[in-house]
């Protein structure tokens, strides 16, 4: 029994492994145009070496000396306001109720069917 299972698996594997063909070569018609000169790149390298900073290192932490000017409460309040607005805009009515309530609170209502220049 084991031989028949092994043989059937071998036949199945041989049938499944077809020839793989690579696609045609895609040649980029736009030649590479560097944004920095060799001297600028060398100057950046010397700056990194002088500062003993390796931005490609796994231990590189550019935010090590960062200090925020906002409090945690301010950021949390802004996030909650944004979250509620996004939830309202993505609601079942696609945010039309939220937008109409916001428009009513901002300006006088504009009613459909009445000309703007009517007196």
N, C-alpha and C. Protein backbone atom coordinates (compact mmCIF):
# COMPACT_ATOMS: atom_id res chain seq x y z
N UNK A 1 0.82 -1.19 0.00
CA UNK A 1 0.00 0.00 0.00
C UNK A 1 0.87 1.25 0.00
N UNK A 2 1.95 1.24 0.78
CA UNK A 2 2.81 2.41 0.86
C UNK A 2 3.46 2.70 -0.49
N UNK A 3 3.77 1.63 -1.24
CA UNK A 3 4.40 1.83 -2.54
C UNK A 3 3.43 2.48 -3.51
N UNK A 4 2.18 2.06 -3.45
CA UNK A 4 1.21 2.62 -4.39
C UNK A 4 0.95 4.11 -4.08
N UNK A 5 0.91 4.46 -2.79
CA UNK A 5 0.72 5.86 -2.41
C UNK A 5 1.94 6.69 -2.83
N UNK A 6 3.12 6.15 -2.61
CA UNK A 6 4.33 6.86 -2.99
C UNK A 6 4.41 7.01 -4.49
N UNK A 7 4.04 5.95 -5.21
CA UNK A 7 4.08 6.01 -6.67
C UNK A 7 3.06 7.02 -7.19
N UNK A 8 1.87 7.03 -6.61
CA UNK A 8 0.86 7.98 -7.08
C UNK A 8 1.27 9.42 -6.75
N UNK A 9 1.90 9.64 -5.61
CA UNK A 9 2.40 10.97 -5.28
C UNK A 9 3.51 11.40 -6.23
N UNK A 10 4.35 10.46 -6.60
CA UNK A 10 5.43 10.77 -7.53
C UNK A 10 4.87 11.12 -8.90
N UNK A 11 3.87 10.36 -9.37
CA UNK A 11 3.24 10.65 -10.66
C UNK A 11 2.53 12.00 -10.61
N UNK A 12 1.84 12.27 -9.51
CA UNK A 12 1.14 13.54 -9.35
C UNK A 12 2.12 14.72 -9.34
N UNK A 13 3.24 14.56 -8.64
CA UNK A 13 4.24 15.62 -8.59
C UNK A 13 4.86 15.85 -9.96
N UNK A 14 5.10 14.78 -10.69
CA UNK A 14 5.67 14.92 -12.03
C UNK A 14 4.69 15.59 -12.98
N UNK A 15 3.41 15.30 -12.83
CA UNK A 15 2.41 15.90 -13.70
C UNK A 15 2.22 17.38 -13.36
N UNK A 16 2.30 17.73 -12.08
CA UNK A 16 2.09 19.11 -11.66
C UNK A 16 3.27 20.00 -11.98
N UNK A 17 4.44 19.42 -12.10
CA UNK A 17 5.62 20.25 -12.36
C UNK A 17 5.80 20.38 -13.87
N UNK A 18 5.14 21.37 -14.41
CA UNK A 18 5.26 21.64 -15.84
C UNK A 18 6.42 22.56 -16.09
N UNK A 19 6.64 22.86 -17.32
CA UNK A 19 7.72 23.77 -17.66
C UNK A 19 7.30 25.20 -17.33
N UNK A 20 8.19 25.93 -16.72
CA UNK A 20 7.92 27.32 -16.38
C UNK A 20 8.65 28.20 -17.39
N UNK A 21 7.92 29.12 -18.00
CA UNK A 21 8.51 29.99 -18.99
C UNK A 21 8.53 31.42 -18.44
N UNK A 22 9.67 32.04 -18.55
CA UNK A 22 9.79 33.42 -18.10
C UNK A 22 9.20 34.34 -19.16
N UNK A 23 8.76 35.48 -18.73
CA UNK A 23 8.19 36.46 -19.64
C UNK A 23 9.31 37.16 -20.40
N UNK A 24 8.95 37.92 -21.39
CA UNK A 24 9.94 38.66 -22.16
C UNK A 24 10.63 39.68 -21.27
N UNK A 25 11.80 40.07 -21.70
CA UNK A 25 12.56 41.08 -20.98
C UNK A 25 11.89 42.44 -21.18
N UNK A 26 11.70 43.16 -20.10
CA UNK A 26 11.14 44.50 -20.19
C UNK A 26 12.27 45.49 -20.05
N UNK A 27 12.49 46.25 -21.09
CA UNK A 27 13.58 47.23 -21.08
C UNK A 27 12.97 48.58 -20.75
N UNK A 28 13.53 49.23 -19.75
CA UNK A 28 13.04 50.54 -19.35
C UNK A 28 13.52 51.58 -20.36
N UNK A 29 12.60 52.28 -21.02
CA UNK A 29 13.03 53.26 -22.03
C UNK A 29 13.61 54.53 -21.44
N UNK A 30 13.43 54.74 -20.14
CA UNK A 30 13.93 55.96 -19.50
C UNK A 30 15.25 55.64 -18.80
N UNK A 31 16.32 56.25 -19.22
CA UNK A 31 17.60 55.98 -18.55
C UNK A 31 17.62 56.57 -17.14
N UNK A 32 18.45 55.99 -16.29
CA UNK A 32 18.56 56.45 -14.91
C UNK A 32 19.21 57.83 -14.89
N UNK A 33 18.59 58.74 -14.14
CA UNK A 33 19.14 60.08 -13.99
C UNK A 33 19.31 60.35 -12.50
N UNK A 34 20.52 60.34 -12.00
CA UNK A 34 20.73 60.55 -10.56
C UNK A 34 20.37 61.97 -10.16
N UNK A 35 19.93 62.10 -8.90
CA UNK A 35 19.57 63.42 -8.39
C UNK A 35 20.72 64.08 -7.64
N UNK A 36 21.69 63.27 -7.23
CA UNK A 36 22.85 63.81 -6.52
C UNK A 36 24.12 63.49 -7.31
N UNK A 37 25.10 64.35 -7.17
CA UNK A 37 26.39 64.09 -7.81
C UNK A 37 27.19 63.15 -6.92
N UNK A 38 28.24 62.60 -7.48
CA UNK A 38 29.10 61.71 -6.71
C UNK A 38 29.71 62.44 -5.52
N UNK A 39 30.07 63.70 -5.71
CA UNK A 39 30.66 64.49 -4.63
C UNK A 39 29.66 64.69 -3.49
N UNK A 40 28.38 64.92 -3.82
CA UNK A 40 27.37 65.09 -2.77
C UNK A 40 27.15 63.80 -1.99
N UNK A 41 27.16 62.68 -2.70
CA UNK A 41 27.00 61.39 -2.01
C UNK A 41 28.19 61.14 -1.11
N UNK A 42 29.40 61.43 -1.59
CA UNK A 42 30.59 61.24 -0.78
C UNK A 42 30.56 62.16 0.45
N UNK A 43 30.06 63.39 0.29
CA UNK A 43 29.95 64.33 1.42
C UNK A 43 28.96 63.80 2.46
N UNK A 44 27.83 63.24 2.00
CA UNK A 44 26.87 62.64 2.94
C UNK A 44 27.50 61.48 3.69
N UNK A 45 28.26 60.65 2.99
CA UNK A 45 28.91 59.53 3.63
C UNK A 45 29.90 60.01 4.69
N UNK A 46 30.65 61.03 4.39
CA UNK A 46 31.60 61.57 5.36
C UNK A 46 30.87 62.16 6.57
N UNK A 47 29.72 62.79 6.32
CA UNK A 47 28.93 63.35 7.42
C UNK A 47 28.43 62.23 8.34
N UNK A 48 27.92 61.14 7.75
CA UNK A 48 27.46 60.01 8.55
C UNK A 48 28.60 59.40 9.36
N UNK A 49 29.75 59.30 8.73
CA UNK A 49 30.91 58.73 9.44
C UNK A 49 31.36 59.65 10.57
N UNK A 50 31.30 60.97 10.34
CA UNK A 50 31.72 61.92 11.38
C UNK A 50 30.75 61.88 12.56
N UNK A 51 29.47 61.73 12.27
CA UNK A 51 28.45 61.68 13.33
C UNK A 51 28.32 60.28 13.93
N UNK A 52 29.03 59.32 13.35
CA UNK A 52 28.97 57.92 13.78
C UNK A 52 27.52 57.42 13.73
N UNK A 53 26.82 57.79 12.66
CA UNK A 53 25.43 57.40 12.44
C UNK A 53 25.37 56.59 11.16
N UNK A 54 24.71 55.46 11.24
CA UNK A 54 24.50 54.63 10.05
C UNK A 54 22.99 54.50 9.84
N UNK A 55 22.42 55.25 8.90
CA UNK A 55 20.97 55.21 8.72
C UNK A 55 20.47 53.88 8.18
N UNK A 56 21.35 53.02 7.73
CA UNK A 56 20.94 51.71 7.22
C UNK A 56 21.10 50.62 8.27
N UNK A 57 21.49 50.99 9.45
CA UNK A 57 21.67 50.03 10.53
C UNK A 57 20.32 49.65 11.12
N UNK A 58 20.22 48.42 11.64
CA UNK A 58 18.97 47.99 12.27
C UNK A 58 18.76 48.67 13.61
N UNK A 59 19.82 49.21 14.20
CA UNK A 59 19.68 49.89 15.48
C UNK A 59 19.56 51.41 15.33
N UNK A 60 19.47 51.90 14.10
CA UNK A 60 19.35 53.34 13.85
C UNK A 60 17.99 53.82 14.33
N UNK A 61 17.99 54.86 15.15
CA UNK A 61 16.76 55.41 15.70
C UNK A 61 16.76 56.91 15.50
N UNK A 62 16.12 57.40 14.40
CA UNK A 62 16.15 58.84 14.15
C UNK A 62 15.32 59.64 15.14
N UNK A 63 14.45 59.00 15.90
CA UNK A 63 13.60 59.71 16.86
C UNK A 63 14.16 59.66 18.29
N UNK A 64 15.40 59.28 18.42
CA UNK A 64 15.99 59.14 19.75
C UNK A 64 15.96 60.45 20.53
N UNK A 65 16.20 61.56 19.86
CA UNK A 65 16.24 62.85 20.55
C UNK A 65 15.00 63.69 20.29
N UNK A 66 13.93 63.08 19.84
CA UNK A 66 12.70 63.80 19.52
C UNK A 66 11.95 64.15 20.80
N UNK A 67 11.43 65.37 20.84
CA UNK A 67 10.60 65.81 21.97
C UNK A 67 9.35 66.47 21.39
N UNK A 68 8.19 65.99 21.78
CA UNK A 68 6.94 66.49 21.25
C UNK A 68 6.56 67.81 21.90
N UNK A 69 5.86 68.65 21.15
CA UNK A 69 5.40 69.92 21.70
C UNK A 69 3.93 69.83 22.11
N UNK A 70 3.31 68.68 21.90
CA UNK A 70 1.90 68.49 22.23
C UNK A 70 1.77 67.46 23.35
N UNK A 71 0.70 67.60 24.12
CA UNK A 71 0.49 66.66 25.22
C UNK A 71 -0.22 65.42 24.71
N UNK A 72 -0.16 64.37 25.49
CA UNK A 72 -0.83 63.12 25.15
C UNK A 72 -2.34 63.33 25.09
N UNK A 73 -2.89 64.15 25.96
CA UNK A 73 -4.33 64.41 25.97
C UNK A 73 -4.78 65.11 24.69
N UNK A 74 -3.97 66.06 24.20
CA UNK A 74 -4.30 66.74 22.95
C UNK A 74 -4.34 65.77 21.77
N UNK A 75 -3.36 64.92 21.69
CA UNK A 75 -3.29 63.95 20.60
C UNK A 75 -4.44 62.96 20.70
N UNK A 76 -4.76 62.51 21.90
CA UNK A 76 -5.86 61.58 22.08
C UNK A 76 -7.19 62.21 21.69
N UNK A 77 -7.41 63.46 22.09
CA UNK A 77 -8.65 64.14 21.73
C UNK A 77 -8.76 64.33 20.23
N UNK A 78 -7.68 64.69 19.57
CA UNK A 78 -7.69 64.85 18.11
C UNK A 78 -7.98 63.51 17.41
N UNK A 79 -7.39 62.44 17.92
CA UNK A 79 -7.64 61.12 17.35
C UNK A 79 -9.10 60.72 17.51
N UNK A 80 -9.67 60.93 18.69
CA UNK A 80 -11.07 60.56 18.91
C UNK A 80 -12.01 61.35 18.01
N UNK A 81 -11.74 62.64 17.83
CA UNK A 81 -12.57 63.46 16.95
C UNK A 81 -12.46 62.95 15.52
N UNK A 82 -11.27 62.68 15.08
CA UNK A 82 -11.06 62.17 13.73
C UNK A 82 -11.72 60.82 13.55
N UNK A 83 -11.62 59.95 14.55
CA UNK A 83 -12.22 58.62 14.48
C UNK A 83 -13.73 58.71 14.37
N UNK A 84 -14.35 59.59 15.13
CA UNK A 84 -15.80 59.74 15.07
C UNK A 84 -16.23 60.29 13.71
N UNK A 85 -15.47 61.23 13.16
CA UNK A 85 -15.81 61.79 11.86
C UNK A 85 -15.68 60.73 10.76
N UNK A 86 -14.63 59.95 10.81
CA UNK A 86 -14.44 58.89 9.81
C UNK A 86 -15.55 57.85 9.93
N UNK A 87 -15.92 57.50 11.15
CA UNK A 87 -17.01 56.53 11.33
C UNK A 87 -18.32 57.08 10.79
N UNK A 88 -18.57 58.37 10.98
CA UNK A 88 -19.80 58.97 10.47
C UNK A 88 -19.80 59.02 8.94
N UNK A 89 -18.66 59.34 8.35
CA UNK A 89 -18.58 59.42 6.89
C UNK A 89 -18.64 58.05 6.23
N UNK A 90 -18.23 57.01 6.93
CA UNK A 90 -18.27 55.65 6.39
C UNK A 90 -19.48 54.88 6.86
N UNK A 91 -20.47 55.55 7.38
CA UNK A 91 -21.67 54.90 7.88
C UNK A 91 -22.55 54.37 6.76
N UNK A 92 -23.68 53.85 7.16
CA UNK A 92 -24.60 53.23 6.21
C UNK A 92 -25.13 54.22 5.19
N UNK A 93 -25.26 55.49 5.57
CA UNK A 93 -25.77 56.50 4.65
C UNK A 93 -24.65 57.26 3.95
N UNK A 94 -23.45 56.73 4.00
CA UNK A 94 -22.27 57.33 3.37
C UNK A 94 -21.99 58.73 3.89
N UNK A 95 -22.39 59.01 5.10
CA UNK A 95 -22.07 60.27 5.72
C UNK A 95 -23.01 61.41 5.40
N UNK A 96 -24.11 61.14 4.70
CA UNK A 96 -25.00 62.24 4.32
C UNK A 96 -25.65 62.88 5.54
N UNK A 97 -26.02 62.09 6.54
CA UNK A 97 -26.62 62.65 7.75
C UNK A 97 -25.61 63.52 8.50
N UNK A 98 -24.37 63.04 8.59
CA UNK A 98 -23.32 63.81 9.27
C UNK A 98 -23.06 65.12 8.54
N UNK A 99 -22.95 65.05 7.21
CA UNK A 99 -22.65 66.25 6.43
C UNK A 99 -23.81 67.25 6.46
N UNK A 100 -25.05 66.75 6.45
CA UNK A 100 -26.18 67.68 6.51
C UNK A 100 -26.27 68.35 7.87
N UNK A 101 -25.99 67.62 8.93
CA UNK A 101 -26.00 68.22 10.27
C UNK A 101 -24.89 69.25 10.39
N UNK A 102 -23.75 68.95 9.80
CA UNK A 102 -22.63 69.88 9.85
C UNK A 102 -22.94 71.14 9.04
N UNK A 103 -23.61 70.97 7.89
CA UNK A 103 -23.96 72.12 7.06
C UNK A 103 -25.00 72.99 7.75
N UNK A 104 -25.93 72.37 8.47
CA UNK A 104 -26.95 73.15 9.19
C UNK A 104 -26.33 73.98 10.29
N UNK A 105 -25.30 73.45 10.92
CA UNK A 105 -24.68 74.18 12.02
C UNK A 105 -23.76 75.29 11.53
N UNK A 106 -23.31 75.20 10.29
CA UNK A 106 -22.35 76.17 9.77
C UNK A 106 -23.03 77.34 9.10
N UNK A 107 -24.00 77.08 8.23
CA UNK A 107 -24.60 78.16 7.45
C UNK A 107 -26.11 77.98 7.40
N UNK A 108 -26.78 78.96 6.84
CA UNK A 108 -28.22 78.89 6.67
C UNK A 108 -28.56 77.78 5.69
N UNK A 109 -29.68 77.12 5.87
CA UNK A 109 -30.02 76.00 4.99
C UNK A 109 -30.31 76.48 3.57
N UNK A 110 -29.93 75.67 2.62
CA UNK A 110 -30.21 75.92 1.22
C UNK A 110 -31.24 74.89 0.80
N UNK A 111 -32.42 75.37 0.40
CA UNK A 111 -33.49 74.47 0.06
C UNK A 111 -33.52 74.23 -1.44
N UNK A 112 -33.82 73.00 -1.81
CA UNK A 112 -33.89 72.65 -3.22
C UNK A 112 -35.13 73.26 -3.84
N UNK A 113 -35.05 73.68 -5.07
CA UNK A 113 -36.22 74.19 -5.79
C UNK A 113 -36.42 75.69 -5.66
N UNK A 114 -35.66 76.34 -4.84
CA UNK A 114 -35.79 77.79 -4.71
C UNK A 114 -34.60 78.46 -5.38
N UNK A 115 -34.84 79.40 -6.30
CA UNK A 115 -33.73 80.06 -6.95
C UNK A 115 -32.92 80.89 -5.95
N UNK A 116 -31.65 80.98 -6.22
CA UNK A 116 -30.74 81.68 -5.33
C UNK A 116 -31.02 83.18 -5.34
N UNK A 117 -31.39 83.73 -6.50
CA UNK A 117 -31.56 85.18 -6.59
C UNK A 117 -33.00 85.61 -6.36
N UNK A 118 -33.86 84.74 -5.81
CA UNK A 118 -35.26 85.11 -5.54
C UNK A 118 -35.29 86.10 -4.39
N UNK A 119 -36.21 87.06 -4.47
CA UNK A 119 -36.29 88.06 -3.41
C UNK A 119 -37.59 88.02 -2.69
